N, C-alpha and C. Protein backbone atom coordinates (compact mmCIF):
# COMPACT_ATOMS: atom_id res chain seq x y z
N MET A 1 -23.24 165.26 -135.30
CA MET A 1 -22.19 165.91 -134.55
C MET A 1 -21.74 167.13 -135.34
N LYS A 2 -21.42 168.18 -134.64
CA LYS A 2 -20.87 169.37 -135.26
C LYS A 2 -19.34 169.29 -135.19
N VAL A 3 -18.69 169.58 -136.31
CA VAL A 3 -17.24 169.44 -136.43
C VAL A 3 -16.65 170.78 -136.86
N ALA A 4 -15.82 171.36 -135.99
CA ALA A 4 -15.14 172.61 -136.32
C ALA A 4 -13.97 172.30 -137.25
N VAL A 5 -13.83 173.08 -138.30
CA VAL A 5 -12.76 172.90 -139.27
C VAL A 5 -12.06 174.24 -139.45
N ALA A 6 -10.73 174.22 -139.35
CA ALA A 6 -9.96 175.45 -139.54
C ALA A 6 -8.64 175.10 -140.22
N ALA A 7 -8.16 176.05 -141.02
CA ALA A 7 -6.91 175.85 -141.75
C ALA A 7 -6.17 177.17 -141.85
N ASP A 8 -4.85 177.11 -141.80
CA ASP A 8 -4.07 178.28 -142.16
C ASP A 8 -3.91 178.27 -143.68
N HIS A 9 -3.11 179.19 -144.21
CA HIS A 9 -2.94 179.26 -145.66
C HIS A 9 -2.31 177.99 -146.24
N GLY A 10 -1.45 177.32 -145.45
CA GLY A 10 -0.84 176.08 -145.91
C GLY A 10 -1.84 174.94 -145.99
N GLY A 11 -2.83 174.95 -145.11
CA GLY A 11 -3.86 173.92 -145.10
C GLY A 11 -5.05 174.23 -145.98
N PHE A 12 -5.17 175.48 -146.40
CA PHE A 12 -6.32 175.93 -147.19
C PHE A 12 -6.62 175.06 -148.42
N PRO A 13 -5.61 174.60 -149.17
CA PRO A 13 -5.92 173.80 -150.35
C PRO A 13 -6.67 172.49 -150.07
N ARG A 14 -6.60 171.96 -148.87
CA ARG A 14 -7.27 170.70 -148.54
C ARG A 14 -8.52 170.92 -147.70
N LYS A 15 -8.81 172.16 -147.30
CA LYS A 15 -9.96 172.40 -146.41
C LYS A 15 -11.28 171.98 -147.03
N GLU A 16 -11.47 172.24 -148.31
CA GLU A 16 -12.73 171.85 -148.97
C GLU A 16 -12.89 170.34 -148.98
N ASP A 17 -11.80 169.60 -149.09
CA ASP A 17 -11.86 168.13 -149.02
C ASP A 17 -12.36 167.68 -147.66
N VAL A 18 -11.87 168.33 -146.61
CA VAL A 18 -12.30 168.00 -145.25
C VAL A 18 -13.78 168.33 -145.07
N LEU A 19 -14.19 169.52 -145.49
CA LEU A 19 -15.60 169.90 -145.35
C LEU A 19 -16.52 168.91 -146.07
N ALA A 20 -16.12 168.49 -147.26
CA ALA A 20 -16.92 167.52 -148.02
C ALA A 20 -16.97 166.18 -147.29
N ALA A 21 -15.86 165.76 -146.71
CA ALA A 21 -15.82 164.49 -145.97
C ALA A 21 -16.70 164.54 -144.73
N VAL A 22 -16.70 165.67 -144.04
CA VAL A 22 -17.55 165.83 -142.85
C VAL A 22 -19.02 165.66 -143.25
N LEU A 23 -19.41 166.34 -144.29
CA LEU A 23 -20.79 166.22 -144.78
C LEU A 23 -21.07 164.80 -145.28
N GLY A 24 -20.08 164.19 -145.90
CA GLY A 24 -20.23 162.86 -146.47
C GLY A 24 -20.52 161.77 -145.46
N VAL A 25 -20.10 161.97 -144.22
CA VAL A 25 -20.40 160.97 -143.17
C VAL A 25 -21.55 161.44 -142.27
N GLY A 26 -22.27 162.47 -142.73
CA GLY A 26 -23.49 162.87 -142.06
C GLY A 26 -23.33 163.82 -140.89
N HIS A 27 -22.23 164.54 -140.84
CA HIS A 27 -22.02 165.50 -139.76
C HIS A 27 -22.08 166.92 -140.31
N GLU A 28 -22.17 167.88 -139.41
CA GLU A 28 -22.30 169.28 -139.79
C GLU A 28 -20.98 170.02 -139.56
N PRO A 29 -20.37 170.54 -140.62
CA PRO A 29 -19.12 171.29 -140.43
C PRO A 29 -19.38 172.72 -139.95
N LEU A 30 -18.48 173.19 -139.12
CA LEU A 30 -18.45 174.59 -138.69
C LEU A 30 -17.15 175.15 -139.26
N ASP A 31 -17.24 175.89 -140.34
CA ASP A 31 -16.06 176.39 -141.06
C ASP A 31 -15.55 177.65 -140.38
N LEU A 32 -14.38 177.53 -139.74
CA LEU A 32 -13.79 178.65 -139.00
C LEU A 32 -12.72 179.39 -139.80
N GLY A 33 -12.57 179.03 -141.07
CA GLY A 33 -11.60 179.73 -141.90
C GLY A 33 -10.33 178.92 -142.07
N VAL A 34 -9.44 179.45 -142.79
CA VAL A 34 -9.41 180.68 -143.55
C VAL A 34 -10.18 180.50 -144.85
N PHE A 35 -10.39 181.62 -145.51
CA PHE A 35 -11.21 181.60 -146.71
C PHE A 35 -10.43 182.03 -147.95
N SER A 36 -9.10 182.06 -147.82
CA SER A 36 -8.23 182.37 -148.95
C SER A 36 -6.84 181.84 -148.63
N SER A 37 -5.94 181.95 -149.59
CA SER A 37 -4.57 181.49 -149.36
C SER A 37 -3.66 182.61 -148.86
N ASP A 38 -4.25 183.71 -148.41
CA ASP A 38 -3.44 184.80 -147.82
C ASP A 38 -2.79 184.29 -146.54
N PRO A 39 -1.52 184.65 -146.30
CA PRO A 39 -0.82 184.16 -145.10
C PRO A 39 -1.52 184.51 -143.79
N VAL A 40 -1.56 183.53 -142.90
CA VAL A 40 -2.14 183.67 -141.56
C VAL A 40 -1.37 182.73 -140.65
N ASP A 41 -1.33 183.02 -139.38
CA ASP A 41 -0.57 182.21 -138.42
C ASP A 41 -1.43 181.08 -137.86
N TYR A 42 -0.91 179.85 -137.96
CA TYR A 42 -1.68 178.67 -137.51
C TYR A 42 -2.08 178.71 -136.04
N PRO A 43 -1.29 179.31 -135.11
CA PRO A 43 -1.77 179.35 -133.72
C PRO A 43 -3.10 180.08 -133.56
N ASP A 44 -3.34 181.08 -134.41
CA ASP A 44 -4.61 181.81 -134.33
C ASP A 44 -5.79 180.91 -134.68
N LEU A 45 -5.61 180.06 -135.69
CA LEU A 45 -6.69 179.14 -136.08
C LEU A 45 -6.86 178.03 -135.05
N ALA A 46 -5.76 177.55 -134.48
CA ALA A 46 -5.84 176.52 -133.44
C ALA A 46 -6.60 177.06 -132.23
N GLU A 47 -6.32 178.29 -131.87
CA GLU A 47 -7.02 178.92 -130.74
C GLU A 47 -8.51 179.06 -131.03
N LYS A 48 -8.83 179.52 -132.22
CA LYS A 48 -10.24 179.69 -132.61
C LYS A 48 -10.98 178.35 -132.54
N LEU A 49 -10.36 177.30 -133.07
CA LEU A 49 -10.98 175.98 -133.06
C LEU A 49 -11.10 175.45 -131.62
N GLY A 50 -10.04 175.59 -130.84
CA GLY A 50 -10.08 175.13 -129.46
C GLY A 50 -11.18 175.79 -128.65
N HIS A 51 -11.33 177.08 -128.83
CA HIS A 51 -12.38 177.79 -128.10
C HIS A 51 -13.77 177.37 -128.56
N ALA A 52 -13.92 177.06 -129.84
CA ALA A 52 -15.21 176.56 -130.33
C ALA A 52 -15.56 175.23 -129.66
N LEU A 53 -14.56 174.35 -129.48
CA LEU A 53 -14.81 173.08 -128.80
C LEU A 53 -15.17 173.31 -127.34
N LEU A 54 -14.40 174.14 -126.66
CA LEU A 54 -14.63 174.37 -125.23
C LEU A 54 -15.96 175.07 -124.98
N ALA A 55 -16.42 175.88 -125.93
CA ALA A 55 -17.70 176.57 -125.79
C ALA A 55 -18.88 175.67 -126.17
N GLY A 56 -18.60 174.45 -126.63
CA GLY A 56 -19.67 173.54 -127.01
C GLY A 56 -20.25 173.81 -128.38
N GLU A 57 -19.58 174.65 -129.19
CA GLU A 57 -20.07 174.94 -130.53
C GLU A 57 -19.82 173.76 -131.47
N ALA A 58 -18.89 172.89 -131.09
CA ALA A 58 -18.57 171.69 -131.87
C ALA A 58 -18.10 170.61 -130.91
N GLN A 59 -18.24 169.35 -131.31
CA GLN A 59 -17.82 168.23 -130.47
C GLN A 59 -16.43 167.72 -130.84
N ARG A 60 -16.02 167.92 -132.09
CA ARG A 60 -14.68 167.56 -132.55
C ARG A 60 -14.18 168.64 -133.48
N GLY A 61 -12.87 168.57 -133.74
CA GLY A 61 -12.28 169.56 -134.63
C GLY A 61 -11.27 168.94 -135.57
N ILE A 62 -11.06 169.61 -136.68
CA ILE A 62 -10.04 169.22 -137.65
C ILE A 62 -9.27 170.48 -138.03
N LEU A 63 -7.95 170.42 -137.82
CA LEU A 63 -7.06 171.54 -138.11
C LEU A 63 -6.13 171.16 -139.24
N LEU A 64 -5.90 172.08 -140.16
CA LEU A 64 -4.97 171.84 -141.25
C LEU A 64 -3.93 172.95 -141.30
N CYS A 65 -2.69 172.54 -141.51
CA CYS A 65 -1.63 173.47 -141.85
C CYS A 65 -0.74 172.74 -142.85
N GLY A 66 0.41 173.27 -143.16
CA GLY A 66 1.25 172.64 -144.16
C GLY A 66 1.65 171.22 -143.80
N SER A 67 2.16 171.04 -142.57
CA SER A 67 2.60 169.71 -142.13
C SER A 67 1.65 169.07 -141.14
N GLY A 68 0.80 169.85 -140.50
CA GLY A 68 -0.06 169.39 -139.42
C GLY A 68 0.59 169.55 -138.07
N VAL A 69 1.90 169.68 -138.03
CA VAL A 69 2.64 169.69 -136.77
C VAL A 69 2.44 170.99 -135.99
N GLY A 70 2.63 172.12 -136.63
CA GLY A 70 2.48 173.39 -135.92
C GLY A 70 1.10 173.57 -135.34
N ALA A 71 0.08 173.27 -136.14
CA ALA A 71 -1.30 173.38 -135.68
C ALA A 71 -1.53 172.45 -134.49
N CYS A 72 -0.95 171.26 -134.54
CA CYS A 72 -1.11 170.29 -133.46
C CYS A 72 -0.46 170.79 -132.16
N ILE A 73 0.74 171.29 -132.27
CA ILE A 73 1.42 171.82 -131.08
C ILE A 73 0.61 172.94 -130.46
N ALA A 74 0.16 173.88 -131.29
CA ALA A 74 -0.63 175.00 -130.78
C ALA A 74 -1.93 174.53 -130.14
N ALA A 75 -2.63 173.62 -130.78
CA ALA A 75 -3.91 173.15 -130.26
C ALA A 75 -3.76 172.47 -128.91
N ASN A 76 -2.69 171.71 -128.74
CA ASN A 76 -2.48 170.98 -127.48
C ASN A 76 -2.11 171.89 -126.31
N LYS A 77 -1.90 173.16 -126.56
CA LYS A 77 -1.65 174.12 -125.48
C LYS A 77 -2.94 174.58 -124.84
N ILE A 78 -4.06 174.22 -125.43
CA ILE A 78 -5.38 174.61 -124.92
C ILE A 78 -5.93 173.46 -124.10
N GLY A 79 -6.13 173.68 -122.81
CA GLY A 79 -6.67 172.65 -121.93
C GLY A 79 -8.00 172.13 -122.44
N GLY A 80 -8.14 170.82 -122.50
CA GLY A 80 -9.37 170.20 -122.99
C GLY A 80 -9.31 169.84 -124.46
N VAL A 81 -8.24 170.25 -125.13
CA VAL A 81 -8.03 169.88 -126.53
C VAL A 81 -6.99 168.77 -126.55
N TYR A 82 -7.32 167.68 -127.25
CA TYR A 82 -6.43 166.52 -127.37
C TYR A 82 -6.27 166.24 -128.85
N ALA A 83 -5.18 166.79 -129.40
CA ALA A 83 -4.95 166.79 -130.84
C ALA A 83 -3.79 165.89 -131.21
N ALA A 84 -3.86 165.33 -132.41
CA ALA A 84 -2.76 164.53 -132.95
C ALA A 84 -2.71 164.68 -134.46
N VAL A 85 -1.48 164.65 -134.98
CA VAL A 85 -1.29 164.61 -136.42
C VAL A 85 -1.48 163.16 -136.85
N CYS A 86 -2.36 162.95 -137.81
CA CYS A 86 -2.60 161.60 -138.32
C CYS A 86 -2.56 161.65 -139.84
N HIS A 87 -1.65 160.90 -140.39
CA HIS A 87 -1.56 160.80 -141.85
C HIS A 87 -1.85 159.38 -142.31
N ASP A 88 -2.53 158.61 -141.44
CA ASP A 88 -2.98 157.27 -141.78
C ASP A 88 -4.29 157.00 -141.05
N THR A 89 -5.07 156.09 -141.56
CA THR A 89 -6.39 155.82 -140.96
C THR A 89 -6.30 155.12 -139.62
N PHE A 90 -5.30 154.26 -139.43
CA PHE A 90 -5.18 153.55 -138.16
C PHE A 90 -5.01 154.53 -137.00
N SER A 91 -4.10 155.46 -137.13
CA SER A 91 -3.87 156.44 -136.07
C SER A 91 -5.10 157.30 -135.83
N ALA A 92 -5.82 157.63 -136.89
CA ALA A 92 -6.99 158.49 -136.77
C ALA A 92 -8.10 157.84 -135.95
N HIS A 93 -8.35 156.55 -136.17
CA HIS A 93 -9.42 155.92 -135.37
C HIS A 93 -8.89 155.49 -134.00
N GLN A 94 -7.68 155.01 -133.91
CA GLN A 94 -7.18 154.58 -132.61
C GLN A 94 -6.97 155.77 -131.67
N GLY A 95 -6.62 156.92 -132.21
CA GLY A 95 -6.48 158.11 -131.38
C GLY A 95 -7.77 158.46 -130.67
N VAL A 96 -8.88 158.26 -131.32
CA VAL A 96 -10.19 158.49 -130.69
C VAL A 96 -10.53 157.33 -129.77
N GLU A 97 -10.43 156.10 -130.27
CA GLU A 97 -10.86 154.92 -129.52
C GLU A 97 -10.09 154.72 -128.23
N HIS A 98 -8.79 154.92 -128.26
CA HIS A 98 -7.94 154.65 -127.09
C HIS A 98 -7.59 155.89 -126.29
N ASP A 99 -7.46 157.04 -126.95
CA ASP A 99 -6.91 158.23 -126.30
C ASP A 99 -7.90 159.38 -126.18
N ASP A 100 -9.11 159.20 -126.64
CA ASP A 100 -10.16 160.22 -126.59
C ASP A 100 -9.75 161.51 -127.30
N MET A 101 -9.00 161.37 -128.38
CA MET A 101 -8.59 162.51 -129.20
C MET A 101 -9.82 163.23 -129.73
N ASN A 102 -9.81 164.56 -129.63
CA ASN A 102 -10.96 165.31 -130.14
C ASN A 102 -10.60 166.26 -131.29
N VAL A 103 -9.32 166.35 -131.63
CA VAL A 103 -8.91 167.19 -132.75
C VAL A 103 -7.94 166.41 -133.64
N LEU A 104 -8.27 166.34 -134.90
CA LEU A 104 -7.42 165.72 -135.91
C LEU A 104 -6.64 166.83 -136.61
N CYS A 105 -5.34 166.66 -136.71
CA CYS A 105 -4.50 167.61 -137.43
C CYS A 105 -3.96 166.94 -138.68
N LEU A 106 -4.03 167.66 -139.78
CA LEU A 106 -3.62 167.13 -141.06
C LEU A 106 -2.64 168.08 -141.74
N GLY A 107 -1.70 167.50 -142.45
CA GLY A 107 -0.73 168.28 -143.22
C GLY A 107 -1.13 168.31 -144.68
N ALA A 108 -1.59 169.44 -145.14
CA ALA A 108 -2.07 169.57 -146.51
C ALA A 108 -0.95 169.44 -147.53
N ARG A 109 0.29 169.66 -147.11
CA ARG A 109 1.42 169.51 -148.03
C ARG A 109 2.03 168.10 -147.94
N VAL A 110 1.43 167.26 -147.10
CA VAL A 110 1.96 165.91 -146.87
C VAL A 110 1.10 164.85 -147.52
N ILE A 111 -0.22 165.02 -147.44
CA ILE A 111 -1.14 164.01 -147.98
C ILE A 111 -2.09 164.63 -148.98
N GLY A 112 -2.58 163.81 -149.88
CA GLY A 112 -3.45 164.27 -150.95
C GLY A 112 -4.92 164.24 -150.58
N PRO A 113 -5.76 164.68 -151.50
CA PRO A 113 -7.18 164.84 -151.21
C PRO A 113 -7.92 163.56 -150.85
N GLU A 114 -7.62 162.45 -151.52
CA GLU A 114 -8.33 161.20 -151.22
C GLU A 114 -8.01 160.71 -149.82
N LEU A 115 -6.74 160.75 -149.45
CA LEU A 115 -6.36 160.31 -148.11
C LEU A 115 -6.93 161.25 -147.04
N VAL A 116 -6.97 162.54 -147.32
CA VAL A 116 -7.59 163.50 -146.40
C VAL A 116 -9.04 163.10 -146.14
N ARG A 117 -9.76 162.77 -147.20
CA ARG A 117 -11.18 162.38 -147.05
C ARG A 117 -11.32 161.08 -146.26
N GLU A 118 -10.46 160.10 -146.54
CA GLU A 118 -10.53 158.82 -145.82
C GLU A 118 -10.21 158.99 -144.34
N ILE A 119 -9.16 159.71 -144.03
CA ILE A 119 -8.76 159.91 -142.63
C ILE A 119 -9.84 160.68 -141.88
N THR A 120 -10.39 161.70 -142.51
CA THR A 120 -11.46 162.48 -141.88
C THR A 120 -12.65 161.59 -141.55
N ALA A 121 -13.07 160.76 -142.48
CA ALA A 121 -14.22 159.89 -142.26
C ALA A 121 -13.96 158.90 -141.13
N VAL A 122 -12.78 158.30 -141.12
CA VAL A 122 -12.44 157.33 -140.07
C VAL A 122 -12.42 158.01 -138.70
N PHE A 123 -11.83 159.20 -138.62
CA PHE A 123 -11.78 159.97 -137.37
C PHE A 123 -13.19 160.25 -136.85
N LEU A 124 -14.08 160.63 -137.73
CA LEU A 124 -15.43 161.01 -137.31
C LEU A 124 -16.31 159.81 -136.98
N ARG A 125 -16.02 158.66 -137.54
CA ARG A 125 -16.80 157.45 -137.23
C ARG A 125 -16.35 156.80 -135.92
N ALA A 126 -15.14 157.09 -135.48
CA ALA A 126 -14.59 156.44 -134.28
C ALA A 126 -15.24 157.01 -133.02
N ARG A 127 -15.25 156.17 -131.98
CA ARG A 127 -15.74 156.62 -130.67
C ARG A 127 -14.83 156.08 -129.58
N PHE A 128 -14.73 156.82 -128.49
CA PHE A 128 -13.89 156.43 -127.37
C PHE A 128 -14.43 155.14 -126.75
N LEU A 129 -13.54 154.17 -126.50
CA LEU A 129 -13.93 152.86 -125.99
C LEU A 129 -13.81 152.73 -124.47
N GLY A 130 -13.32 153.75 -123.81
CA GLY A 130 -13.02 153.65 -122.38
C GLY A 130 -14.18 153.29 -121.48
N ASN A 131 -15.39 153.52 -121.91
CA ASN A 131 -16.56 153.19 -121.08
C ASN A 131 -17.16 151.82 -121.41
N ASP A 132 -16.57 151.12 -122.37
CA ASP A 132 -17.07 149.80 -122.75
C ASP A 132 -16.52 148.73 -121.81
N PRO A 133 -17.31 147.70 -121.52
CA PRO A 133 -16.81 146.60 -120.68
C PRO A 133 -15.54 145.99 -121.28
N GLY A 134 -14.56 145.78 -120.44
CA GLY A 134 -13.30 145.21 -120.88
C GLY A 134 -12.33 146.21 -121.47
N GLN A 135 -12.74 147.45 -121.57
CA GLN A 135 -11.90 148.50 -122.18
C GLN A 135 -11.52 149.59 -121.18
N GLU A 136 -11.68 149.32 -119.89
CA GLU A 136 -11.47 150.33 -118.85
C GLU A 136 -10.05 150.89 -118.83
N ARG A 137 -9.10 150.12 -119.38
CA ARG A 137 -7.71 150.60 -119.38
C ARG A 137 -7.59 151.94 -120.11
N HIS A 138 -8.41 152.14 -121.11
CA HIS A 138 -8.35 153.40 -121.86
C HIS A 138 -8.84 154.57 -121.00
N LEU A 139 -9.88 154.33 -120.25
CA LEU A 139 -10.40 155.36 -119.34
C LEU A 139 -9.35 155.70 -118.28
N ARG A 140 -8.69 154.68 -117.75
CA ARG A 140 -7.64 154.88 -116.74
C ARG A 140 -6.49 155.71 -117.31
N ARG A 141 -6.08 155.40 -118.51
CA ARG A 141 -4.96 156.11 -119.13
C ARG A 141 -5.31 157.55 -119.46
N VAL A 142 -6.50 157.76 -119.97
CA VAL A 142 -6.93 159.13 -120.27
C VAL A 142 -7.05 159.95 -118.98
N ALA A 143 -7.50 159.33 -117.91
CA ALA A 143 -7.55 160.03 -116.62
C ALA A 143 -6.15 160.47 -116.19
N LYS A 144 -5.16 159.66 -116.46
CA LYS A 144 -3.78 160.04 -116.14
C LYS A 144 -3.31 161.22 -117.00
N ILE A 145 -3.74 161.25 -118.23
CA ILE A 145 -3.43 162.40 -119.10
C ILE A 145 -4.05 163.67 -118.52
N HIS A 146 -5.29 163.57 -118.08
CA HIS A 146 -5.97 164.74 -117.50
C HIS A 146 -5.24 165.22 -116.24
N LYS A 147 -4.71 164.28 -115.45
CA LYS A 147 -3.96 164.67 -114.25
C LYS A 147 -2.68 165.42 -114.64
N LEU A 148 -2.01 164.97 -115.69
CA LEU A 148 -0.83 165.68 -116.17
C LEU A 148 -1.18 167.11 -116.57
N GLU A 149 -2.31 167.25 -117.20
CA GLU A 149 -2.77 168.57 -117.62
C GLU A 149 -3.01 169.48 -116.42
N GLU A 150 -3.58 168.93 -115.36
CA GLU A 150 -3.86 169.71 -114.15
C GLU A 150 -2.57 170.17 -113.46
N LYS A 151 -1.52 169.38 -113.58
CA LYS A 151 -0.24 169.69 -112.92
C LYS A 151 0.50 170.83 -113.59
N SER A 152 0.22 171.06 -114.87
CA SER A 152 1.01 172.09 -115.57
C SER A 152 0.35 173.45 -115.54
């Protein structure tokens, strides 16, 4: 799987940890920047990552900013992007398994390098369960989310 990775200057210190974790679980990272700690606005990186997903250049994405929150809010404004801030492994895998989350947002000023690597690996190993027998409730709920998106 190809995984788009982007960070603003606040997320830049943890971006290399994410790239290493993506490679570590056998996936191919698509590094969308930034490439220094020079100030940049997180909505610009969220837009770049969202468009890479929608264009089929990547199947999932990981966004980093200082807290993860701003990047998450910006990413969720792009139709077809389903992002969540996850600072624990349970949320990272359940977000994919139950909610079909396709973008993981991380706060580089909130969690350290080891946890970043663990959460990234769990996110990338997870798969949506909605098509599995006995798990149809997840498909039904995600369909309702898509309807909300169409209404706005």
